[in-house]
All heavy atoms as atom14 arrays in JSON, in Angstrom:
{
  "sequence": "ATILSIGAVATFYSALGGIKAVIWTDVFQAVMMLAGLLAVV",
  "atom14_mask": [
    [1, 1, 1, 1, 1, 0, 0, 0, 0, 0, 0, 0, 0, 0],
    [1, 1, 1, 1, 1, 1, 1, 0, 0, 0, 0, 0, 0, 0],
    [1, 1, 1, 1, 1, 1, 1, 1, 0, 0, 0, 0, 0, 0],
    [1, 1, 1, 1, 1, 1, 1, 1, 0, 0, 0, 0, 0, 0],
    [1, 1, 1, 1, 1, 1, 0, 0, 0, 0, 0, 0, 0, 0],
    [1, 1, 1, 1, 1, 1, 1, 1, 0, 0, 0, 0, 0, 0],
    [1, 1, 1, 1, 0, 0, 0, 0, 0, 0, 0, 0, 0, 0],
    [1, 1, 1, 1, 1, 0, 0, 0, 0, 0, 0, 0, 0, 0],
    [1, 1, 1, 1, 1, 1, 1, 0, 0, 0, 0, 0, 0, 0],
    [1, 1, 1, 1, 1, 0, 0, 0, 0, 0, 0, 0, 0, 0],
    [1, 1, 1, 1, 1, 1, 1, 0, 0, 0, 0, 0, 0, 0],
    [1, 1, 1, 1, 1, 1, 1, 1, 1, 1, 1, 0, 0, 0],
    [1, 1, 1, 1, 1, 1, 1, 1, 1, 1, 1, 1, 0, 0],
    [1, 1, 1, 1, 1, 1, 0, 0, 0, 0, 0, 0, 0, 0],
    [1, 1, 1, 1, 1, 0, 0, 0, 0, 0, 0, 0, 0, 0],
    [1, 1, 1, 1, 1, 1, 1, 1, 0, 0, 0, 0, 0, 0],
    [1, 1, 1, 1, 0, 0, 0, 0, 0, 0, 0, 0, 0, 0],
    [1, 1, 1, 1, 0, 0, 0, 0, 0, 0, 0, 0, 0, 0],
    [1, 1, 1, 1, 1, 1, 1, 1, 0, 0, 0, 0, 0, 0],
    [1, 1, 1, 1, 1, 1, 1, 1, 1, 0, 0, 0, 0, 0],
    [1, 1, 1, 1, 1, 0, 0, 0, 0, 0, 0, 0, 0, 0],
    [1, 1, 1, 1, 1, 1, 1, 0, 0, 0, 0, 0, 0, 0],
    [1, 1, 1, 1, 1, 1, 1, 1, 0, 0, 0, 0, 0, 0],
    [1, 1, 1, 1, 1, 1, 1, 1, 1, 1, 1, 1, 1, 1],
    [1, 1, 1, 1, 1, 1, 1, 0, 0, 0, 0, 0, 0, 0],
    [1, 1, 1, 1, 1, 1, 1, 1, 0, 0, 0, 0, 0, 0],
    [1, 1, 1, 1, 1, 1, 1, 0, 0, 0, 0, 0, 0, 0],
    [1, 1, 1, 1, 1, 1, 1, 1, 1, 1, 1, 0, 0, 0],
    [1, 1, 1, 1, 1, 1, 1, 1, 1, 0, 0, 0, 0, 0],
    [1, 1, 1, 1, 1, 0, 0, 0, 0, 0, 0, 0, 0, 0],
    [1, 1, 1, 1, 1, 1, 1, 0, 0, 0, 0, 0, 0, 0],
    [1, 1, 1, 1, 1, 1, 1, 1, 0, 0, 0, 0, 0, 0],
    [1, 1, 1, 1, 1, 1, 1, 1, 0, 0, 0, 0, 0, 0],
    [1, 1, 1, 1, 1, 1, 1, 1, 0, 0, 0, 0, 0, 0],
    [1, 1, 1, 1, 1, 0, 0, 0, 0, 0, 0, 0, 0, 0],
    [1, 1, 1, 1, 0, 0, 0, 0, 0, 0, 0, 0, 0, 0],
    [1, 1, 1, 1, 1, 1, 1, 1, 0, 0, 0, 0, 0, 0],
    [1, 1, 1, 1, 1, 1, 1, 1, 0, 0, 0, 0, 0, 0],
    [1, 1, 1, 1, 1, 0, 0, 0, 0, 0, 0, 0, 0, 0],
    [1, 1, 1, 1, 1, 1, 1, 0, 0, 0, 0, 0, 0, 0],
    [1, 1, 1, 1, 1, 1, 1, 0, 0, 0, 0, 0, 0, 0]
  ],
  "atom14_positions": [
    [[0.83, -1.21, 0.0], [0.0, 0.0, 0.0], [0.86, 1.26, 0.0], [0.55, 2.25, -0.68], [-0.94, 0.0, 1.21], [0.0, 0.0, 0.0], [0.0, 0.0, 0.0], [0.0, 0.0, 0.0], [0.0, 0.0, 0.0], [0.0, 0.0, 0.0], [0.0, 0.0, 0.0], [0.0, 0.0, 0.0], [0.0, 0.0, 0.0], [0.0, 0.0, 0.0]],
    [[1.96, 1.23, 0.75], [2.83, 2.4, 0.77], [3.55, 2.59, -0.56], [3.72, 3.72, -1.01], [3.85, 2.31, 1.93], [4.62, 1.13, 1.79], [3.17, 2.33, 3.28], [0.0, 0.0, 0.0], [0.0, 0.0, 0.0], [0.0, 0.0, 0.0], [0.0, 0.0, 0.0], [0.0, 0.0, 0.0], [0.0, 0.0, 0.0], [0.0, 0.0, 0.0]],
    [[3.94, 1.48, -1.19], [4.58, 1.59, -2.51], [3.6, 2.17, -3.53], [3.95, 3.07, -4.3], [5.1, 0.21, -2.98], [6.31, -0.21, -2.13], [5.49, 0.25, -4.46], [6.79, -1.61, -2.39], [0.0, 0.0, 0.0], [0.0, 0.0, 0.0], [0.0, 0.0, 0.0], [0.0, 0.0, 0.0], [0.0, 0.0, 0.0], [0.0, 0.0, 0.0]],
    [[2.36, 1.68, -3.52], [1.35, 2.2, -4.45], [1.05, 3.67, -4.18], [0.91, 4.46, -5.12], [0.07, 1.37, -4.35], [0.07, 0.03, -5.06], [-1.25, -0.7, -4.84], [0.33, 0.2, -6.55], [0.0, 0.0, 0.0], [0.0, 0.0, 0.0], [0.0, 0.0, 0.0], [0.0, 0.0, 0.0], [0.0, 0.0, 0.0], [0.0, 0.0, 0.0]],
    [[0.96, 4.06, -2.91], [0.63, 5.46, -2.62], [1.78, 6.39, -3.0], [1.54, 7.47, -3.55], [0.23, 5.65, -1.15], [1.11, 5.01, -0.3], [0.0, 0.0, 0.0], [0.0, 0.0, 0.0], [0.0, 0.0, 0.0], [0.0, 0.0, 0.0], [0.0, 0.0, 0.0], [0.0, 0.0, 0.0], [0.0, 0.0, 0.0], [0.0, 0.0, 0.0]],
    [[3.01, 5.98, -2.76], [4.15, 6.81, -3.17], [4.18, 6.95, -4.7], [4.37, 8.03, -5.23], [5.47, 6.23, -2.64], [5.57, 6.49, -1.13], [6.67, 6.84, -3.36], [6.74, 5.82, -0.47], [0.0, 0.0, 0.0], [0.0, 0.0, 0.0], [0.0, 0.0, 0.0], [0.0, 0.0, 0.0], [0.0, 0.0, 0.0], [0.0, 0.0, 0.0]],
    [[3.97, 5.85, -5.4], [3.93, 5.89, -6.87], [2.79, 6.76, -7.38], [2.97, 7.53, -8.34], [0.0, 0.0, 0.0], [0.0, 0.0, 0.0], [0.0, 0.0, 0.0], [0.0, 0.0, 0.0], [0.0, 0.0, 0.0], [0.0, 0.0, 0.0], [0.0, 0.0, 0.0], [0.0, 0.0, 0.0], [0.0, 0.0, 0.0], [0.0, 0.0, 0.0]],
    [[1.63, 6.66, -6.74], [0.47, 7.46, -7.18], [0.71, 8.95, -6.96], [0.42, 9.77, -7.84], [-0.79, 7.0, -6.43], [0.0, 0.0, 0.0], [0.0, 0.0, 0.0], [0.0, 0.0, 0.0], [0.0, 0.0, 0.0], [0.0, 0.0, 0.0], [0.0, 0.0, 0.0], [0.0, 0.0, 0.0], [0.0, 0.0, 0.0], [0.0, 0.0, 0.0]],
    [[1.24, 9.3, -5.79], [1.5, 10.72, -5.5], [2.55, 11.28, -6.47], [2.37, 12.37, -7.03], [1.95, 10.9, -4.03], [2.51, 12.29, -3.79], [0.79, 10.61, -3.09], [0.0, 0.0, 0.0], [0.0, 0.0, 0.0], [0.0, 0.0, 0.0], [0.0, 0.0, 0.0], [0.0, 0.0, 0.0], [0.0, 0.0, 0.0], [0.0, 0.0, 0.0]],
    [[3.63, 10.53, -6.7], [4.67, 11.0, -7.61], [4.14, 11.15, -9.04], [4.44, 12.12, -9.73], [5.86, 10.06, -7.59], [0.0, 0.0, 0.0], [0.0, 0.0, 0.0], [0.0, 0.0, 0.0], [0.0, 0.0, 0.0], [0.0, 0.0, 0.0], [0.0, 0.0, 0.0], [0.0, 0.0, 0.0], [0.0, 0.0, 0.0], [0.0, 0.0, 0.0]],
    [[3.35, 10.19, -9.47], [2.75, 10.26, -10.81], [1.81, 11.44, -10.92], [1.81, 12.17, -11.92], [2.0, 8.95, -11.13], [2.9, 7.86, -11.02], [1.39, 8.99, -12.52], [0.0, 0.0, 0.0], [0.0, 0.0, 0.0], [0.0, 0.0, 0.0], [0.0, 0.0, 0.0], [0.0, 0.0, 0.0], [0.0, 0.0, 0.0], [0.0, 0.0, 0.0]],
    [[1.01, 11.68, -9.86], [0.04, 12.77, -9.87], [0.73, 14.12, -10.0], [0.39, 14.92, -10.86], [-0.82, 12.71, -8.6], [-1.8, 13.83, -8.49], [-2.93, 13.88, -9.31], [-1.6, 14.86, -7.59], [-3.83, 14.92, -9.21], [-2.49, 15.91, -7.49], [-3.61, 15.93, -8.3], [0.0, 0.0, 0.0], [0.0, 0.0, 0.0], [0.0, 0.0, 0.0]],
    [[1.73, 14.39, -9.11], [2.35, 15.72, -9.18], [3.21, 15.88, -10.43], [3.36, 16.97, -10.94], [3.09, 16.1, -7.9], [4.43, 15.44, -7.67], [5.56, 15.81, -8.39], [4.58, 14.48, -6.68], [6.78, 15.22, -8.16], [5.81, 13.89, -6.44], [6.89, 14.27, -7.18], [8.1, 13.68, -6.94], [0.0, 0.0, 0.0], [0.0, 0.0, 0.0]],
    [[3.75, 14.78, -10.95], [4.53, 14.89, -12.19], [3.62, 15.2, -13.37], [3.96, 16.02, -14.22], [5.28, 13.59, -12.47], [6.22, 13.33, -11.45], [0.0, 0.0, 0.0], [0.0, 0.0, 0.0], [0.0, 0.0, 0.0], [0.0, 0.0, 0.0], [0.0, 0.0, 0.0], [0.0, 0.0, 0.0], [0.0, 0.0, 0.0], [0.0, 0.0, 0.0]],
    [[2.46, 14.54, -13.41], [1.51, 14.78, -14.51], [0.9, 16.17, -14.41], [0.69, 16.84, -15.42], [0.41, 13.72, -14.49], [0.0, 0.0, 0.0], [0.0, 0.0, 0.0], [0.0, 0.0, 0.0], [0.0, 0.0, 0.0], [0.0, 0.0, 0.0], [0.0, 0.0, 0.0], [0.0, 0.0, 0.0], [0.0, 0.0, 0.0], [0.0, 0.0, 0.0]],
    [[0.62, 16.6, -13.2], [-0.03, 17.88, -13.0], [0.92, 19.05, -13.21], [0.6, 20.02, -13.9], [-0.61, 17.94, -11.59], [-1.74, 18.9, -11.33], [-2.93, 18.55, -12.21], [-2.15, 18.84, -9.87], [0.0, 0.0, 0.0], [0.0, 0.0, 0.0], [0.0, 0.0, 0.0], [0.0, 0.0, 0.0], [0.0, 0.0, 0.0], [0.0, 0.0, 0.0]],
    [[2.14, 18.94, -12.65], [3.07, 20.06, -12.69], [4.18, 19.93, -13.69], [4.95, 20.86, -13.88], [0.0, 0.0, 0.0], [0.0, 0.0, 0.0], [0.0, 0.0, 0.0], [0.0, 0.0, 0.0], [0.0, 0.0, 0.0], [0.0, 0.0, 0.0], [0.0, 0.0, 0.0], [0.0, 0.0, 0.0], [0.0, 0.0, 0.0], [0.0, 0.0, 0.0]],
    [[4.32, 18.77, -14.31], [5.36, 18.57, -15.31], [6.75, 18.59, -14.7], [6.94, 18.31, -13.52], [0.0, 0.0, 0.0], [0.0, 0.0, 0.0], [0.0, 0.0, 0.0], [0.0, 0.0, 0.0], [0.0, 0.0, 0.0], [0.0, 0.0, 0.0], [0.0, 0.0, 0.0], [0.0, 0.0, 0.0], [0.0, 0.0, 0.0], [0.0, 0.0, 0.0]],
    [[7.72, 18.94, -15.51], [9.11, 18.92, -15.08], [9.37, 19.95, -14.0], [10.23, 19.75, -13.13], [10.07, 19.1, -16.29], [11.52, 18.76, -15.88], [9.99, 20.5, -16.84], [11.74, 17.31, -15.6], [0.0, 0.0, 0.0], [0.0, 0.0, 0.0], [0.0, 0.0, 0.0], [0.0, 0.0, 0.0], [0.0, 0.0, 0.0], [0.0, 0.0, 0.0]],
    [[8.62, 21.04, -14.01], [8.78, 22.07, -12.98], [8.47, 21.49, -11.6], [9.2, 21.75, -10.63], [7.88, 23.26, -13.29], [8.16, 24.49, -12.47], [7.31, 25.65, -12.96], [7.61, 26.9, -12.18], [6.81, 28.02, -12.64], [0.0, 0.0, 0.0], [0.0, 0.0, 0.0], [0.0, 0.0, 0.0], [0.0, 0.0, 0.0], [0.0, 0.0, 0.0]],
    [[7.41, 20.7, -11.5], [7.06, 20.07, -10.22], [8.13, 19.08, -9.79], [8.49, 19.01, -8.61], [5.71, 19.37, -10.33], [0.0, 0.0, 0.0], [0.0, 0.0, 0.0], [0.0, 0.0, 0.0], [0.0, 0.0, 0.0], [0.0, 0.0, 0.0], [0.0, 0.0, 0.0], [0.0, 0.0, 0.0], [0.0, 0.0, 0.0], [0.0, 0.0, 0.0]],
    [[8.66, 18.34, -10.73], [9.7, 17.36, -10.42], [10.95, 18.07, -9.92], [11.57, 17.64, -8.92], [10.01, 16.48, -11.66], [11.2, 15.59, -11.4], [8.79, 15.66, -12.05], [0.0, 0.0, 0.0], [0.0, 0.0, 0.0], [0.0, 0.0, 0.0], [0.0, 0.0, 0.0], [0.0, 0.0, 0.0], [0.0, 0.0, 0.0], [0.0, 0.0, 0.0]],
    [[11.34, 19.16, -10.57], [12.53, 19.89, -10.16], [12.35, 20.48, -8.76], [13.23, 20.37, -7.92], [12.88, 20.99, -11.19], [13.38, 20.34, -12.48], [13.91, 21.97, -10.63], [13.55, 21.3, -13.63], [0.0, 0.0, 0.0], [0.0, 0.0, 0.0], [0.0, 0.0, 0.0], [0.0, 0.0, 0.0], [0.0, 0.0, 0.0], [0.0, 0.0, 0.0]],
    [[11.19, 21.09, -8.5], [10.97, 21.66, -7.18], [10.9, 20.58, -6.1], [11.33, 20.8, -4.97], [9.73, 22.54, -7.16], [10.05, 23.91, -7.68], [9.64, 24.45, -8.86], [10.89, 24.89, -7.06], [10.17, 25.7, -9.01], [10.95, 26.0, -7.91], [11.61, 24.93, -5.87], [11.68, 27.14, -7.62], [12.34, 26.07, -5.57], [12.37, 27.15, -6.44]],
    [[10.38, 19.43, -6.44], [10.37, 18.32, -5.49], [11.79, 17.87, -5.2], [12.15, 17.6, -4.04], [9.55, 17.13, -6.04], [8.22, 17.59, -6.32], [9.48, 16.0, -5.05], [0.0, 0.0, 0.0], [0.0, 0.0, 0.0], [0.0, 0.0, 0.0], [0.0, 0.0, 0.0], [0.0, 0.0, 0.0], [0.0, 0.0, 0.0], [0.0, 0.0, 0.0]],
    [[12.63, 17.81, -6.22], [14.04, 17.44, -6.02], [14.76, 18.49, -5.17], [15.57, 18.13, -4.3], [14.75, 17.29, -7.37], [14.34, 16.03, -8.1], [13.71, 15.16, -7.47], [14.65, 15.92, -9.3], [0.0, 0.0, 0.0], [0.0, 0.0, 0.0], [0.0, 0.0, 0.0], [0.0, 0.0, 0.0], [0.0, 0.0, 0.0], [0.0, 0.0, 0.0]],
    [[14.47, 19.76, -5.4], [15.08, 20.82, -4.59], [14.66, 20.68, -3.13], [15.5, 20.73, -2.22], [14.7, 22.22, -5.14], [15.09, 23.33, -4.16], [15.33, 22.45, -6.49], [0.0, 0.0, 0.0], [0.0, 0.0, 0.0], [0.0, 0.0, 0.0], [0.0, 0.0, 0.0], [0.0, 0.0, 0.0], [0.0, 0.0, 0.0], [0.0, 0.0, 0.0]],
    [[13.37, 20.47, -2.91], [12.86, 20.3, -1.55], [13.5, 19.08, -0.88], [13.92, 19.14, 0.28], [11.33, 20.16, -1.58], [10.73, 19.92, -0.22], [10.67, 20.95, 0.71], [10.23, 18.68, 0.12], [10.11, 20.73, 1.97], [9.68, 18.45, 1.37], [9.62, 19.48, 2.29], [0.0, 0.0, 0.0], [0.0, 0.0, 0.0], [0.0, 0.0, 0.0]],
    [[13.6, 17.99, -1.62], [14.2, 16.78, -1.08], [15.67, 17.01, -0.73], [16.13, 16.58, 0.33], [14.07, 15.63, -2.07], [14.65, 14.34, -1.58], [14.54, 13.23, -2.62], [14.19, 13.47, -3.77], [14.85, 12.03, -2.21], [0.0, 0.0, 0.0], [0.0, 0.0, 0.0], [0.0, 0.0, 0.0], [0.0, 0.0, 0.0], [0.0, 0.0, 0.0]],
    [[16.4, 17.69, -1.58], [17.82, 17.96, -1.32], [17.98, 18.83, -0.08], [18.87, 18.58, 0.75], [18.47, 18.61, -2.54], [0.0, 0.0, 0.0], [0.0, 0.0, 0.0], [0.0, 0.0, 0.0], [0.0, 0.0, 0.0], [0.0, 0.0, 0.0], [0.0, 0.0, 0.0], [0.0, 0.0, 0.0], [0.0, 0.0, 0.0], [0.0, 0.0, 0.0]],
    [[17.14, 19.85, 0.06], [17.21, 20.72, 1.24], [16.9, 19.93, 2.51], [17.59, 20.06, 3.52], [16.26, 21.93, 1.08], [16.09, 22.69, 2.38], [16.77, 22.86, 0.0], [0.0, 0.0, 0.0], [0.0, 0.0, 0.0], [0.0, 0.0, 0.0], [0.0, 0.0, 0.0], [0.0, 0.0, 0.0], [0.0, 0.0, 0.0], [0.0, 0.0, 0.0]],
    [[15.88, 19.07, 2.45], [15.53, 18.26, 3.62], [16.65, 17.28, 3.98], [16.95, 17.08, 5.16], [14.23, 17.47, 3.36], [12.98, 18.32, 3.34], [12.63, 19.01, 4.96], [12.97, 20.72, 4.69], [0.0, 0.0, 0.0], [0.0, 0.0, 0.0], [0.0, 0.0, 0.0], [0.0, 0.0, 0.0], [0.0, 0.0, 0.0], [0.0, 0.0, 0.0]],
    [[17.26, 16.67, 2.98], [18.36, 15.73, 3.24], [19.55, 16.46, 3.85], [20.17, 15.97, 4.81], [18.77, 15.02, 1.95], [17.76, 14.0, 1.49], [18.07, 13.34, -0.15], [19.65, 12.59, 0.04], [0.0, 0.0, 0.0], [0.0, 0.0, 0.0], [0.0, 0.0, 0.0], [0.0, 0.0, 0.0], [0.0, 0.0, 0.0], [0.0, 0.0, 0.0]],
    [[19.88, 17.63, 3.33], [20.98, 18.41, 3.87], [20.68, 18.86, 5.3], [21.55, 18.78, 6.18], [21.27, 19.61, 2.97], [22.47, 20.47, 3.35], [23.75, 19.64, 3.31], [22.59, 21.65, 2.41], [0.0, 0.0, 0.0], [0.0, 0.0, 0.0], [0.0, 0.0, 0.0], [0.0, 0.0, 0.0], [0.0, 0.0, 0.0], [0.0, 0.0, 0.0]],
    [[19.45, 19.32, 5.54], [19.07, 19.74, 6.89], [19.13, 18.57, 7.87], [19.61, 18.71, 9.0], [17.66, 20.35, 6.87], [0.0, 0.0, 0.0], [0.0, 0.0, 0.0], [0.0, 0.0, 0.0], [0.0, 0.0, 0.0], [0.0, 0.0, 0.0], [0.0, 0.0, 0.0], [0.0, 0.0, 0.0], [0.0, 0.0, 0.0], [0.0, 0.0, 0.0]],
    [[18.66, 17.4, 7.43], [18.72, 16.21, 8.29], [20.15, 15.81, 8.59], [20.49, 15.47, 9.73], [0.0, 0.0, 0.0], [0.0, 0.0, 0.0], [0.0, 0.0, 0.0], [0.0, 0.0, 0.0], [0.0, 0.0, 0.0], [0.0, 0.0, 0.0], [0.0, 0.0, 0.0], [0.0, 0.0, 0.0], [0.0, 0.0, 0.0], [0.0, 0.0, 0.0]],
    [[21.0, 15.85, 7.57], [22.41, 15.51, 7.76], [23.07, 16.47, 8.73], [23.78, 16.06, 9.66], [23.14, 15.53, 6.41], [24.63, 15.27, 6.46], [24.89, 13.82, 6.88], [25.26, 15.54, 5.12], [0.0, 0.0, 0.0], [0.0, 0.0, 0.0], [0.0, 0.0, 0.0], [0.0, 0.0, 0.0], [0.0, 0.0, 0.0], [0.0, 0.0, 0.0]],
    [[22.83, 17.77, 8.55], [23.4, 18.77, 9.45], [22.88, 18.59, 10.88], [23.64, 18.71, 11.84], [23.11, 20.18, 8.94], [23.92, 20.63, 7.74], [23.43, 21.99, 7.24], [25.39, 20.69, 8.08], [0.0, 0.0, 0.0], [0.0, 0.0, 0.0], [0.0, 0.0, 0.0], [0.0, 0.0, 0.0], [0.0, 0.0, 0.0], [0.0, 0.0, 0.0]],
    [[21.59, 18.28, 11.02], [21.02, 18.07, 12.35], [21.68, 16.89, 13.05], [22.02, 16.97, 14.24], [19.51, 17.85, 12.25], [0.0, 0.0, 0.0], [0.0, 0.0, 0.0], [0.0, 0.0, 0.0], [0.0, 0.0, 0.0], [0.0, 0.0, 0.0], [0.0, 0.0, 0.0], [0.0, 0.0, 0.0], [0.0, 0.0, 0.0], [0.0, 0.0, 0.0]],
    [[21.9, 15.8, 12.34], [22.54, 14.62, 12.92], [23.99, 14.93, 13.3], [24.44, 14.58, 14.4], [22.47, 13.42, 11.94], [23.37, 12.29, 12.38], [21.04, 12.93, 11.81], [0.0, 0.0, 0.0], [0.0, 0.0, 0.0], [0.0, 0.0, 0.0], [0.0, 0.0, 0.0], [0.0, 0.0, 0.0], [0.0, 0.0, 0.0], [0.0, 0.0, 0.0]],
    [[24.72, 15.6, 12.41], [26.13, 15.93, 12.69], [26.23, 16.87, 13.89], [27.04, 16.65, 14.8], [26.81, 16.53, 11.45], [28.15, 17.15, 11.79], [26.96, 15.48, 10.38], [0.0, 0.0, 0.0], [0.0, 0.0, 0.0], [0.0, 0.0, 0.0], [0.0, 0.0, 0.0], [0.0, 0.0, 0.0], [0.0, 0.0, 0.0], [0.0, 0.0, 0.0]]
  ]
}
């Protein structure tokens, strides 16, 4: 169920927002990963 929901959400925002949505999602993900890494360190 979690695999299907992640796939559905990613497909939905990619179809709705196109490459711009994908790029902003990648930017958000990179910022969150960097913030998490800095918090742990």
